[in-house]
Structure formats: C-alpha cells, structure tokens
Amino acid sequence: MATTPSRDLVAVPNPHPGRDYEVSCETPEFTCVCPMTGQPDFASVRITYVPDQAIVELKSLKLYLWSYRDEGAFHEDVTNRILDDLVAAIAPRRMTVVTDWLVRGGIHTTVKAETPSP
C-alpha cells in the first residue's frame, strides 16, 4: 500500500454486518490551506459511523486525510467532501463527520456534516 497522500479510500468487508455498532475515528493532525490567504488551517477530524456491508481501512483513511494538506479548501466544503467520499466508498448506515478548527483571526469554527438517519 502507498505511503504517500491518496484519495483512494479502501473498503473492507464488515466482519459483523448483521449488528449495529458504532465506529469512531479521530485525528488531531488534519491540515489544509485557506483558499483565500494560502495560510495553513489545522483541525481535529472525528468520523463516526455505523457500518453496513463495509468498513474503511484505516491506513487508506490516513492517506486520504493527508491528501488535503496542500489543497485550498473552506472548512465547510472539506467537511462535506470527507463525508461524501466516505459514504461513496463504504455506504454506511449512518455517518457523521465533525471538524474542529484551531482559532485563526479570533474565530473558532466547528463543522458537522451527517447522513440522514434511517
């Protein structure tokens, strides 16, 4: 498997597809670039989901998140793109992505995007 940034999210079979259980993945090391100023933005990302037939392979998730490092993205956009890409890759029963951004310019931002509950 690659050790460079990649947008390829790898789905693996859910070992317990008949049971509802929650998976939570979190990293305090997410970075991207402000599309207006070019300055770096730093965030914690928390992904919580109830899998259906697949789960996300964690190294691919790490490399996926790393792929945003030099990309210009608004907080709201990147949060929703992460959700959309993960939903497309693993089709969970439910999913929530929360990004908690470090203060810049005196403003603290948290963005929450989620799939509708069944």
Protein backbone atom coordinates (compact mmCIF):
# COMPACT_ATOMS: atom_id res chain seq x y z
CA MET A 1 0.00 0.00 0.00
CA ALA A 2 1.15 3.53 -0.76
CA THR A 3 2.83 5.75 1.81
CA THR A 4 2.06 9.00 0.01
CA PRO A 5 -1.16 11.03 0.07
CA SER A 6 -4.00 9.37 -1.82
CA ARG A 7 -7.72 9.95 -2.39
CA ASP A 8 -8.29 6.17 -2.65
CA LEU A 9 -10.42 5.03 0.27
CA VAL A 10 -10.28 1.26 0.66
CA ALA A 11 -13.42 -0.58 1.75
CA VAL A 12 -13.05 -3.93 3.51
CA PRO A 13 -15.84 -6.34 4.44
CA ASN A 14 -17.61 -5.62 7.71
CA PRO A 15 -16.91 -8.60 10.00
CA HIS A 16 -20.33 -8.14 11.71
CA PRO A 17 -22.78 -6.84 9.09
CA GLY A 18 -25.82 -8.14 10.99
CA ARG A 19 -25.16 -5.96 14.04
CA ASP A 20 -25.42 -2.20 14.51
CA TYR A 21 -22.24 -0.92 16.13
CA GLU A 22 -20.51 2.44 16.03
CA VAL A 23 -17.01 3.10 14.75
CA SER A 24 -15.26 6.34 15.68
CA CYS A 25 -12.01 7.51 14.11
CA GLU A 26 -10.32 10.73 15.20
CA THR A 27 -7.16 12.61 14.34
CA PRO A 28 -5.88 15.93 15.68
CA GLU A 29 -3.50 16.30 12.72
CA PHE A 30 -5.66 17.35 9.76
CA THR A 31 -4.28 20.20 7.66
CA CYS A 32 -5.31 22.05 4.54
CA VAL A 33 -4.75 25.55 3.19
CA CYS A 34 -7.06 28.56 3.32
CA PRO A 35 -8.17 29.18 -0.28
CA MET A 36 -8.29 32.94 0.35
CA THR A 37 -4.94 33.56 2.06
CA GLY A 38 -2.86 30.43 1.41
CA GLN A 39 -2.23 30.12 5.15
CA PRO A 40 -2.37 26.66 6.74
CA ASP A 41 -5.50 25.56 8.59
CA PHE A 42 -5.36 22.90 11.31
CA ALA A 43 -8.23 20.78 12.59
CA SER A 44 -9.22 17.73 14.51
CA VAL A 45 -11.42 15.41 12.47
CA ARG A 46 -13.85 12.98 14.08
CA ILE A 47 -15.62 10.42 11.89
CA THR A 48 -18.36 8.34 13.46
CA TYR A 49 -20.35 5.75 11.55
CA VAL A 50 -22.50 2.64 11.78
CA PRO A 51 -21.21 0.32 9.06
CA ASP A 52 -23.36 -1.74 6.73
CA GLN A 53 -21.50 -4.18 4.47
CA ALA A 54 -18.09 -2.45 4.57
CA ILE A 55 -15.73 -0.58 6.88
CA VAL A 56 -12.95 1.81 5.88
CA GLU A 57 -9.40 0.51 6.03
CA LEU A 58 -7.59 2.86 8.42
CA LYS A 59 -4.31 3.36 6.55
CA SER A 60 -6.25 4.40 3.45
CA LEU A 61 -8.21 6.84 5.63
CA LYS A 62 -4.97 8.31 6.96
CA LEU A 63 -3.55 8.74 3.46
CA TYR A 64 -6.86 10.20 2.27
CA LEU A 65 -6.89 12.84 5.02
CA TRP A 66 -3.22 13.59 4.31
CA SER A 67 -4.11 14.33 0.67
CA TYR A 68 -5.75 17.61 1.73
CA ARG A 69 -2.53 19.00 3.20
CA ASP A 70 -1.62 21.34 0.32
CA GLU A 71 -5.13 21.88 -1.03
CA GLY A 72 -7.10 25.07 -0.63
CA ALA A 73 -10.44 24.32 0.99
CA PHE A 74 -13.06 26.11 3.04
CA HIS A 75 -13.86 24.40 6.36
CA GLU A 76 -17.46 23.75 5.36
CA ASP A 77 -16.51 22.31 1.99
CA VAL A 78 -13.78 19.97 3.18
CA THR A 79 -16.01 18.56 5.94
CA ASN A 80 -18.79 17.78 3.47
CA ARG A 81 -16.35 16.34 0.91
CA ILE A 82 -14.91 13.96 3.51
CA LEU A 83 -18.43 12.79 4.34
CA ASP A 84 -19.40 12.40 0.68
CA ASP A 85 -16.25 10.46 -0.20
CA LEU A 86 -16.59 8.09 2.76
CA VAL A 87 -20.27 7.47 2.08
CA ALA A 88 -19.44 6.71 -1.56
CA ALA A 89 -16.67 4.31 -0.51
CA ILE A 90 -18.39 2.29 2.24
CA ALA A 91 -22.14 3.12 2.16
CA PRO A 92 -22.62 3.17 5.95
CA ARG A 93 -25.99 3.03 7.66
CA ARG A 94 -25.20 6.39 9.28
CA MET A 95 -22.21 8.69 9.34
CA THR A 96 -21.17 11.97 10.94
CA VAL A 97 -18.01 13.98 10.23
CA VAL A 98 -17.03 16.77 12.62
CA THR A 99 -14.12 19.10 12.01
CA ASP A 100 -12.91 21.29 14.88
CA TRP A 101 -10.63 24.04 13.57
CA LEU A 102 -7.93 25.85 15.50
CA VAL A 103 -8.63 29.50 16.11
CA ARG A 104 -7.44 31.87 13.40
CA GLY A 105 -8.34 35.54 13.33
CA GLY A 106 -10.09 35.16 16.67
CA ILE A 107 -12.77 32.81 15.29
CA HIS A 108 -13.18 29.18 16.34
CA THR A 109 -15.08 27.04 13.84
CA THR A 110 -16.64 23.59 14.17
CA VAL A 111 -18.42 22.00 11.22
CA LYS A 112 -20.69 18.94 11.45
CA ALA A 113 -21.97 17.06 8.38
CA GLU A 114 -24.03 13.91 8.59
CA THR A 115 -26.04 11.48 6.57
CA PRO A 116 -29.74 11.37 7.39
CA SER A 117 -30.77 8.82 9.97
CA PRO A 118 -32.87 5.95 8.61
